[in-house]
C-alpha atoms as a PDB file:
ATOM      1  CA  MET A   1     115.801  93.704  87.910  1.00  0.00           C
ATOM      2  CA  ILE A   2     113.255  91.963  90.090  1.00  0.00           C
ATOM      3  CA  LYS A   3     115.445  88.780  90.552  1.00  0.00           C
ATOM      4  CA  ILE A   4     118.307  90.501  91.854  1.00  0.00           C
ATOM      5  CA  LEU A   5     115.984  92.457  93.865  1.00  0.00           C
ATOM      6  CA  ARG A   6     115.067  89.248  95.530  1.00  0.00           C
ATOM      7  CA  TYR A   7     118.431  88.193  96.355  1.00  0.00           C
ATOM      8  CA  THR A   8     119.459  90.958  97.889  1.00  0.00           C
ATOM      9  CA  GLU A   9     116.442  90.533 100.574  1.00  0.00           C
ATOM     10  CA  TYR A  10     118.007  87.263 101.040  1.00  0.00           C
ATOM     11  CA  LEU A  11     121.383  88.245 101.537  1.00  0.00           C
ATOM     12  CA  TYR A  12     120.183  90.316 104.232  1.00  0.00           C
ATOM     13  CA  LEU A  13     118.482  87.973 105.258  1.00  0.00           C
ATOM     14  CA  ALA A  14     121.265  85.749 105.677  1.00  0.00           C
ATOM     15  CA  VAL A  15     123.150  88.252 107.181  1.00  0.00           C
ATOM     16  CA  ALA A  16     121.381  88.726 109.620  1.00  0.00           C
ATOM     17  CA  VAL A  17     121.201  84.377 110.887  1.00  0.00           C
ATOM     18  CA  LEU A  18     124.903  84.586 110.428  1.00  0.00           C
ATOM     19  CA  SER A  19     125.283  87.391 112.905  1.00  0.00           C
ATOM     20  CA  ILE A  20     122.895  85.572 115.812  1.00  0.00           C
ATOM     21  CA  TYR A  21     124.471  82.819 115.651  1.00  0.00           C
ATOM     22  CA  GLU A  22     128.049  84.783 115.487  1.00  0.00           C
ATOM     23  CA  VAL A  23     126.136  86.162 118.988  1.00  0.00           C
ATOM     24  CA  SER A  24     125.432  82.815 120.016  1.00  0.00           C
ATOM     25  CA  GLN A  25     128.800  81.705 120.286  1.00  0.00           C
ATOM     26  CA  THR A  26     130.506  84.957 121.967  1.00  0.00           C
ATOM     27  CA  TRP A  27     128.034  86.298 124.003  1.00  0.00           C
ATOM     28  CA  SER A  28     129.838  84.390 127.080  1.00  0.00           C
ATOM     29  CA  THR A  29     133.694  85.443 125.994  1.00  0.00           C
ATOM     30  CA  GLU A  30     133.586  88.325 124.418  1.00  0.00           C
ATOM     31  CA  ARG A  31     130.661  90.286 125.361  1.00  0.00           C
ATOM     32  CA  ASP A  32     131.427  93.834 123.205  1.00  0.00           C
ATOM     33  CA  ARG A  33     131.514  92.422 120.099  1.00  0.00           C
ATOM     34  CA  SER A  34     127.996  89.678 120.541  1.00  0.00           C
ATOM     35  CA  TYR A  35     126.436  93.130 121.137  1.00  0.00           C
ATOM     36  CA  LEU A  36     128.209  94.994 117.433  1.00  0.00           C
ATOM     37  CA  PHE A  37     126.196  91.306 115.651  1.00  0.00           C
ATOM     38  CA  ILE A  38     122.835  92.110 117.673  1.00  0.00           C
ATOM     39  CA  LEU A  39     122.848  95.488 115.790  1.00  0.00           C
ATOM     40  CA  PHE A  40     124.200  94.139 112.659  1.00  0.00           C
ATOM     41  CA  ALA A  41     121.218  91.384 113.222  1.00  0.00           C
ATOM     42  CA  VAL A  42     118.737  94.504 114.001  1.00  0.00           C
ATOM     43  CA  VAL A  43     120.162  96.355 110.923  1.00  0.00           C
ATOM     44  CA  SER A  44     119.585  93.365 108.784  1.00  0.00           C
ATOM     45  CA  LEU A  45     116.643  92.183 109.568  1.00  0.00           C
ATOM     46  CA  GLY A  46     114.871  95.808 109.169  1.00  0.00           C
ATOM     47  CA  MET A  47     116.737  95.737 105.499  1.00  0.00           C
ATOM     48  CA  PHE A  48     115.148  92.496 104.824  1.00  0.00           C
ATOM     49  CA  LEU A  49     112.064  93.503 105.567  1.00  0.00           C
ATOM     50  CA  PHE A  50     112.211  97.235 104.479  1.00  0.00           C
ATOM     51  CA  ARG A  51     113.640  95.371 100.533  1.00  0.00           C
ATOM     52  CA  ARG A  52     110.621  93.177 100.446  1.00  0.00           C
ATOM     53  CA  ARG A  53     107.986  95.816 100.823  1.00  0.00           C
ATOM     54  CA  TYR A  54     109.430  97.959  98.406  1.00  0.00           C
ATOM     55  CA  ARG A  55     109.977  95.590  96.140  1.00  0.00           C
ATOM     56  CA  ARG A  56     106.567  93.714  96.649  1.00  0.00           C
ATOM     57  CA  LYS A  57     105.120  98.082  96.293  1.00  0.00           C
ATOM     58  CA  PHE A  58     106.894  98.020  93.088  1.00  0.00           C
ATOM     59  CA  GLU A  59     105.620  94.594  91.748  1.00  0.00           C
ATOM     60  CA  ALA A  60     101.749  95.913  92.167  1.00  0.00           C
ATOM     61  CA  GLN A  61     102.446  99.327  90.917  1.00  0.00           C
ATOM     62  CA  ARG A  62     103.822  97.247  88.373  1.00  0.00           C
ATOM     63  CA  ARG A  63     100.587  94.584  87.501  1.00  0.00           C
ATOM     64  CA  ARG A  64      98.578  97.404  87.985  1.00  0.00           C
ATOM     65  CA  MET A  65     100.387  99.667  84.665  1.00  0.00           C
ATOM     66  CA  ASP A  66     100.239  96.572  82.420  1.00  0.00           C
ATOM     67  CA  SER A  67      96.589  95.777  83.009  1.00  0.00           C
ATOM     68  CA  ASP A  68      95.693  99.921  82.634  1.00  0.00           C
ATOM     69  CA  LYS A  69      97.817  99.377  79.235  1.00  0.00           C
ATOM     70  CA  GLU A  70      95.763  95.989  78.092  1.00  0.00           C
END
């Protein structure tokens, strides 16, 4: 389960990178489309950080519970 969560984090990061690339390609021709991709990049980076933080918190809680059982 944790491995799947780790992959989804990096999926958000990949979407952010692709969005930034798209912004760099369309900035001078389609400014409105570029703003949309800037929004995608910001939201994707936020989701990456959010998911990473809660995965690490979940892992720490699990380690703490495992050590209490021993």
